[in-house]
Structures are given as structure tokens and as C-alpha cells.
Amino acid sequence: MDFLHPLSGFLVGIMVGLTGVGGGSLMAPLMILMLGVAPATAIGTDLWFAAITKMVGGAVHHTQGHADWKIVKRLAWGSVPAALVTIWFLATTETHQVKNGLIVQLLGAILVVTALVTLFHRRISSAATQVDGEHIAYYRQLLPALTILAGAILGVVVTLTSIGAGALGATMLVMLYPLRLTPQKVVGTDIVHAVPLTIVAGLGHLWMGNVDFMLLGSLLIGSIPGIIIGSKLTKRVNASALRWALAAMLLFSGVRLLL
């Protein structure tokens, strides 16, 4: 087993433990840019990495009552069918070069978007809570459809790039439900919804032969202690500086992939 694999998992685990985000956003580009893993294999392996870690996190949030199951169901109504359609598209796209090129370009673009979302998450949250009272009743009528649409967007993005179930999903929830969801419920609902989405997308990539379980195991060996250590260091590190550092890494990786 290459020592770089568990080391990579360890470093990503520390970032996740410290900031609460960055797992999927960092793991896939790290595998492609530093470990030389094929883009499709990196995405498939990262989806299973996310599914396993989020199952544990989702169980914890469920027991603490941090998941809004009504919203989870609405998101899943959009995300799961969208993931299946996206898997079908990838499976029927015969040209290997076109498929990998599409994945790399989309991955780069989503990383850039995720970097911006990471930086401006608080401003987005603040703006979402200032909705004009006259429009609230009309907005609530549209909420179910908008939530399903948000789920569908996440389903496509996550299946293609393995990114989006974390930072992008949480930001969508803040924009859609600024008053209904507390910060804890945003995180819990986002993580619980990510479980079925990443499992469905992961099964699709497994069917296409895009999952390297040896690589997955070595990444998990490093990430689990990394998350534990990162979580314990949270109070000793400046969270704002960490978010800037994470956004800078995501932006750099995104631009590298795009170019």
C-alpha cells in the first residue's frame, strides 16, 4: 500500500474535522492531481468514501434530532432520479476521452463554485433571512418544487463530480429554508440526504467499474484518525483563517483542472 494514500486521507480528514467541510471537495482533485488516479475512478472511489463517512455522521445527527426528514424526502425525490439518469448518461457515453474530459472540466468548475460558496456562506445565510414578508406566502407555495429541483441539481453534480453534497447542499438549504432550519439542522439534513444520494451514485460507478476498493480502504485508514484529531483541534485554530485556506486550496485545484 502506497503511504501517500493514507497520508492523503489523513490530511483531508484533518480539514474535515477542523472545518466540517472539504471532504469530497478535496479528495477527488487530490486523487487526480497528486495521486495520478483516473478521473472516473477518483469520482467513483470518492463517492464511496463519502457514503461510508456520511452514514456514520448521518446516524449521529439522526439520534440528535438534527435531520428534517420532510426536507430530506423532498431533496431525494429530485436527487435520486437525477443520479440514475446521470449514471445512464455516463454509461452510454462510449468515448473514454470525452467522458474523462467532461468530468475534469465539471470538477474544476464545481471546485471554483464551492470555493466561493465557502467564502461567502455567512453572507448568503444573512441575505436569505431578510426575505420581504409580502413574498413569504407565495415563496412557501413554491418550496416543495424548488427543493425537488435543488435535489435534482445536486444529484447530477454529485454523480458527475462527487462534489456538492456538502458545501453546495448546505448553502441551498440555507437559501431555501433560512428560518425553518437551524445551523445544526442544516448540517444534519444535508448529511442525511447525502447518504442515499452517494450510495445510489456510488453503486452506479461501481457497476461501471469506477471504484478502487484498495485505494478506498487506504484512504479511510488515514481519514478516520485525521477527522478525530481535526475535531479535537477545532477550538485551538482560527476557523475563519481555515475557511480562507480551504477556499484557496479549492480555487487552486479548480483552476488547475480547468486549465
Protein backbone atom coordinates (compact mmCIF):
# COMPACT_ATOMS: atom_id res chain seq x y z
CA MET A 1 0.00 0.00 0.00
CA ASP A 2 1.41 3.38 -1.05
CA PHE A 3 1.94 5.55 2.09
CA LEU A 4 0.68 8.58 0.11
CA HIS A 5 -2.86 7.16 0.10
CA PRO A 6 -3.42 7.02 3.89
CA LEU A 7 -1.45 10.27 4.25
CA SER A 8 -3.82 11.95 1.78
CA GLY A 9 -6.81 10.56 3.69
CA PHE A 10 -5.27 11.80 6.95
CA LEU A 11 -4.79 15.36 5.65
CA VAL A 12 -8.31 15.53 4.21
CA GLY A 13 -9.66 14.07 7.46
CA ILE A 14 -7.98 16.83 9.46
CA MET A 15 -9.55 19.52 7.24
CA VAL A 16 -12.99 17.93 7.60
CA GLY A 17 -12.57 17.70 11.37
CA LEU A 18 -11.44 21.31 11.63
CA THR A 19 -13.93 22.96 9.27
CA GLY A 20 -16.79 20.50 8.82
CA VAL A 21 -16.48 20.74 5.03
CA GLY A 22 -14.00 19.88 2.34
CA GLY A 23 -14.04 16.05 2.29
CA GLY A 24 -15.44 15.45 -1.18
CA SER A 25 -14.16 18.79 -2.46
CA LEU A 26 -10.56 17.92 -1.59
CA MET A 27 -10.42 14.14 -2.01
CA ALA A 28 -11.31 13.83 -5.70
CA PRO A 29 -8.96 16.56 -7.01
CA LEU A 30 -6.21 15.31 -4.70
CA MET A 31 -6.53 11.81 -6.18
CA ILE A 32 -6.43 13.18 -9.74
CA LEU A 33 -3.74 15.86 -9.39
CA MET A 34 -1.38 14.27 -6.82
CA LEU A 35 -2.01 10.52 -6.85
CA GLY A 36 -2.48 10.16 -10.60
CA VAL A 37 -5.82 8.35 -10.33
CA ALA A 38 -8.02 8.34 -13.47
CA PRO A 39 -10.84 10.94 -13.16
CA ALA A 40 -13.70 8.41 -13.39
CA THR A 41 -12.06 6.13 -10.79
CA ALA A 42 -11.38 9.09 -8.50
CA ILE A 43 -15.04 10.13 -8.64
CA GLY A 44 -16.36 6.59 -8.05
CA THR A 45 -13.97 5.92 -5.16
CA ASP A 46 -14.67 9.32 -3.61
CA LEU A 47 -18.43 8.66 -3.71
CA TRP A 48 -17.96 5.50 -1.63
CA PHE A 49 -15.61 7.38 0.70
CA ALA A 50 -18.38 9.97 1.18
CA ALA A 51 -21.12 7.35 1.56
CA ILE A 52 -19.28 5.48 4.33
CA THR A 53 -18.29 8.58 6.29
CA LYS A 54 -21.70 10.24 5.90
CA MET A 55 -23.53 7.08 7.05
CA VAL A 56 -21.71 7.41 10.37
CA GLY A 57 -22.32 11.16 10.56
CA GLY A 58 -25.94 10.78 9.45
CA ALA A 59 -26.65 8.24 12.20
CA VAL A 60 -25.27 10.63 14.82
CA HIS A 61 -27.32 13.58 13.53
CA HIS A 62 -30.47 11.43 13.36
CA THR A 63 -30.15 10.38 17.01
CA GLN A 64 -29.66 14.05 17.96
CA GLY A 65 -32.79 15.11 16.03
CA HIS A 66 -30.83 17.31 13.64
CA ALA A 67 -32.39 15.96 10.41
CA ASP A 68 -35.60 17.40 8.92
CA TRP A 69 -36.95 14.27 7.23
CA LYS A 70 -39.62 16.12 5.25
CA ILE A 71 -36.92 18.16 3.53
CA VAL A 72 -34.71 15.07 3.14
CA LYS A 73 -37.54 13.33 1.26
CA ARG A 74 -38.12 16.35 -1.00
CA LEU A 75 -34.43 16.53 -1.87
CA ALA A 76 -34.29 12.78 -2.52
CA TRP A 77 -37.28 12.97 -4.88
CA GLY A 78 -35.09 15.11 -7.11
CA SER A 79 -31.59 13.79 -6.43
CA VAL A 80 -32.03 10.02 -6.71
CA PRO A 81 -33.77 10.02 -10.14
CA ALA A 82 -31.28 12.64 -11.37
CA ALA A 83 -28.38 10.46 -10.20
CA LEU A 84 -29.82 7.45 -12.05
CA VAL A 85 -30.24 9.45 -15.27
CA THR A 86 -26.69 10.79 -14.95
CA ILE A 87 -25.32 7.26 -14.44
CA TRP A 88 -27.18 6.17 -17.57
CA PHE A 89 -25.62 9.09 -19.48
CA LEU A 90 -22.12 8.20 -18.31
CA ALA A 91 -22.64 4.51 -19.09
CA THR A 92 -23.85 5.23 -22.63
CA THR A 93 -21.11 7.76 -23.41
CA GLU A 94 -18.70 5.47 -25.21
CA THR A 95 -15.78 7.79 -25.86
CA HIS A 96 -13.40 7.48 -22.88
CA GLN A 97 -11.59 10.73 -23.69
CA VAL A 98 -14.83 12.72 -23.91
CA LYS A 99 -16.14 11.22 -20.65
CA ASN A 100 -12.98 11.94 -18.66
CA GLY A 101 -12.66 15.39 -20.23
CA LEU A 102 -16.23 16.23 -19.25
CA ILE A 103 -15.67 15.02 -15.69
CA VAL A 104 -12.44 17.00 -15.26
CA GLN A 105 -13.93 20.23 -16.62
CA LEU A 106 -17.06 19.93 -14.48
CA LEU A 107 -14.99 19.02 -11.44
CA GLY A 108 -12.86 22.14 -11.93
CA ALA A 109 -15.91 24.38 -12.33
CA ILE A 110 -17.67 22.96 -9.25
CA LEU A 111 -14.50 23.40 -7.19
CA VAL A 112 -14.37 27.09 -8.11
CA VAL A 113 -18.06 27.50 -7.19
CA THR A 114 -17.52 25.60 -3.92
CA ALA A 115 -14.58 27.87 -3.06
CA LEU A 116 -16.77 30.96 -3.49
CA VAL A 117 -19.63 29.37 -1.51
CA THR A 118 -17.19 28.52 1.31
CA LEU A 119 -16.01 32.13 1.47
CA PHE A 120 -19.42 33.80 1.29
CA HIS A 121 -21.55 31.25 3.19
CA ARG A 122 -22.30 33.64 6.07
CA ARG A 123 -23.30 36.48 3.73
CA ILE A 124 -25.59 34.14 1.78
CA SER A 125 -27.17 32.98 5.05
CA SER A 126 -27.68 36.55 6.23
CA ALA A 127 -29.25 37.64 2.92
CA ALA A 128 -31.61 34.63 2.90
CA THR A 129 -33.10 35.57 6.28
CA GLN A 130 -34.09 39.05 5.02
CA VAL A 131 -36.83 37.93 2.61
CA ASP A 132 -39.61 40.50 2.27
CA GLY A 133 -42.65 39.44 4.31
CA GLU A 134 -45.03 40.13 1.40
CA HIS A 135 -43.40 37.38 -0.65
CA ILE A 136 -43.18 34.68 2.07
CA ALA A 137 -46.63 33.11 1.43
CA TYR A 138 -46.00 32.83 -2.32
CA TYR A 139 -42.48 31.54 -1.69
CA ARG A 140 -43.76 28.80 0.62
CA GLN A 141 -46.07 27.52 -2.14
CA LEU A 142 -43.06 27.09 -4.40
CA LEU A 143 -40.84 25.50 -1.74
CA PRO A 144 -41.64 21.82 -2.46
CA ALA A 145 -40.92 22.21 -6.18
CA LEU A 146 -37.82 24.32 -5.56
CA THR A 147 -36.49 21.74 -3.07
CA ILE A 148 -37.00 18.89 -5.55
CA LEU A 149 -35.25 20.99 -8.22
CA ALA A 150 -32.34 21.66 -5.83
CA GLY A 151 -32.13 17.92 -5.17
CA ALA A 152 -32.04 17.20 -8.91
CA ILE A 153 -29.19 19.67 -9.40
CA LEU A 154 -27.27 18.05 -6.55
CA GLY A 155 -27.97 14.59 -8.00
CA VAL A 156 -26.39 15.50 -11.33
CA VAL A 157 -23.45 17.41 -9.84
CA VAL A 158 -22.60 14.81 -7.18
CA THR A 159 -22.83 11.88 -9.60
CA LEU A 160 -20.61 13.60 -12.16
CA THR A 161 -18.03 15.07 -9.80
CA SER A 162 -18.62 13.57 -6.29
CA ILE A 163 -18.71 17.20 -5.06
CA GLY A 164 -21.68 19.23 -3.90
CA ALA A 165 -23.38 17.13 -1.23
CA GLY A 166 -21.58 19.18 1.45
CA ALA A 167 -20.95 22.88 0.90
CA LEU A 168 -23.32 23.35 -2.05
CA GLY A 169 -26.08 21.28 -0.47
CA ALA A 170 -25.87 23.18 2.81
CA THR A 171 -25.93 26.53 1.00
CA MET A 172 -29.03 25.50 -0.97
CA LEU A 173 -30.77 24.54 2.27
CA VAL A 174 -29.88 27.88 3.87
CA MET A 175 -31.31 29.73 0.86
CA LEU A 176 -34.48 27.62 0.72
CA TYR A 177 -35.20 27.36 4.46
CA PRO A 178 -33.50 30.33 6.18
CA LEU A 179 -36.00 30.42 9.08
CA ARG A 180 -37.06 26.79 9.41
CA LEU A 181 -33.61 25.24 9.70
CA THR A 182 -31.14 26.00 12.48
CA PRO A 183 -27.42 25.66 11.62
CA GLN A 184 -27.41 22.21 13.27
CA LYS A 185 -30.42 21.11 11.22
CA VAL A 186 -28.86 22.43 8.01
CA VAL A 187 -25.82 20.22 8.61
CA GLY A 188 -27.87 17.21 9.78
CA THR A 189 -30.38 17.39 6.92
CA ASP A 190 -27.60 17.85 4.38
CA ILE A 191 -25.61 14.86 5.66
CA VAL A 192 -28.63 12.54 5.96
CA HIS A 193 -29.77 13.39 2.42
CA ALA A 194 -26.24 12.79 1.11
CA VAL A 195 -26.33 9.15 2.27
CA PRO A 196 -28.87 7.76 -0.25
CA LEU A 197 -27.54 10.06 -2.97
CA THR A 198 -23.92 8.96 -2.62
CA ILE A 199 -24.93 5.30 -2.29
CA VAL A 200 -27.00 5.39 -5.50
CA ALA A 201 -24.29 7.32 -7.36
CA GLY A 202 -21.60 5.05 -5.88
CA LEU A 203 -23.46 1.90 -6.95
CA GLY A 204 -23.70 3.31 -10.46
CA HIS A 205 -19.97 3.97 -10.61
CA LEU A 206 -19.30 0.52 -9.11
CA TRP A 207 -21.42 -1.01 -11.90
CA MET A 208 -19.29 0.88 -14.43
CA GLY A 209 -16.07 -0.35 -12.77
CA ASN A 210 -15.02 3.07 -11.49
CA VAL A 211 -14.33 2.11 -7.84
CA ASP A 212 -10.91 1.11 -6.48
CA PHE A 213 -11.62 -0.56 -3.12
CA MET A 214 -7.94 -0.97 -2.25
CA LEU A 215 -7.48 2.78 -2.67
CA LEU A 216 -10.70 3.42 -0.73
CA GLY A 217 -9.50 1.30 2.20
CA SER A 218 -6.13 3.03 2.41
CA LEU A 219 -7.80 6.49 2.30
CA LEU A 220 -10.16 5.52 5.12
CA ILE A 221 -7.24 4.24 7.23
CA GLY A 222 -5.81 7.75 7.18
CA SER A 223 -9.01 9.79 7.24
CA ILE A 224 -10.58 8.31 10.38
CA PRO A 225 -7.75 9.34 12.77
CA GLY A 226 -7.44 12.59 10.81
CA ILE A 227 -11.07 13.52 11.48
CA ILE A 228 -10.68 12.68 15.18
CA ILE A 229 -7.53 14.81 15.54
CA GLY A 230 -9.00 17.67 13.50
CA SER A 231 -12.16 17.69 15.62
CA LYS A 232 -10.10 17.96 18.81
CA LEU A 233 -8.04 20.83 17.40
CA THR A 234 -11.08 22.90 16.36
CA LYS A 235 -11.03 25.20 19.41
CA ARG A 236 -7.32 25.90 19.05
CA VAL A 237 -7.37 27.06 15.43
CA ASN A 238 -8.87 30.20 13.87
CA ALA A 239 -11.95 28.95 11.96
CA SER A 240 -12.05 31.98 9.67
CA ALA A 241 -8.41 31.54 8.62
CA LEU A 242 -9.06 27.85 7.98
CA ARG A 243 -12.01 28.62 5.71
CA TRP A 244 -9.87 31.05 3.72
CA ALA A 245 -7.15 28.40 3.41
CA LEU A 246 -9.69 25.76 2.36
CA ALA A 247 -11.23 28.13 -0.21
CA ALA A 248 -7.76 28.92 -1.59
CA MET A 249 -6.97 25.20 -1.99
CA LEU A 250 -10.29 24.54 -3.69
CA LEU A 251 -9.84 27.51 -6.03
CA PHE A 252 -6.28 26.46 -6.91
CA SER A 253 -7.36 22.87 -7.59
CA GLY A 254 -10.34 24.02 -9.65
CA VAL A 255 -8.25 26.31 -11.85
CA ARG A 256 -5.63 23.54 -12.30
CA LEU A 257 -8.29 21.12 -13.51
CA LEU A 258 -9.90 23.69 -15.81
CA LEU A 259 -6.57 24.55 -17.40
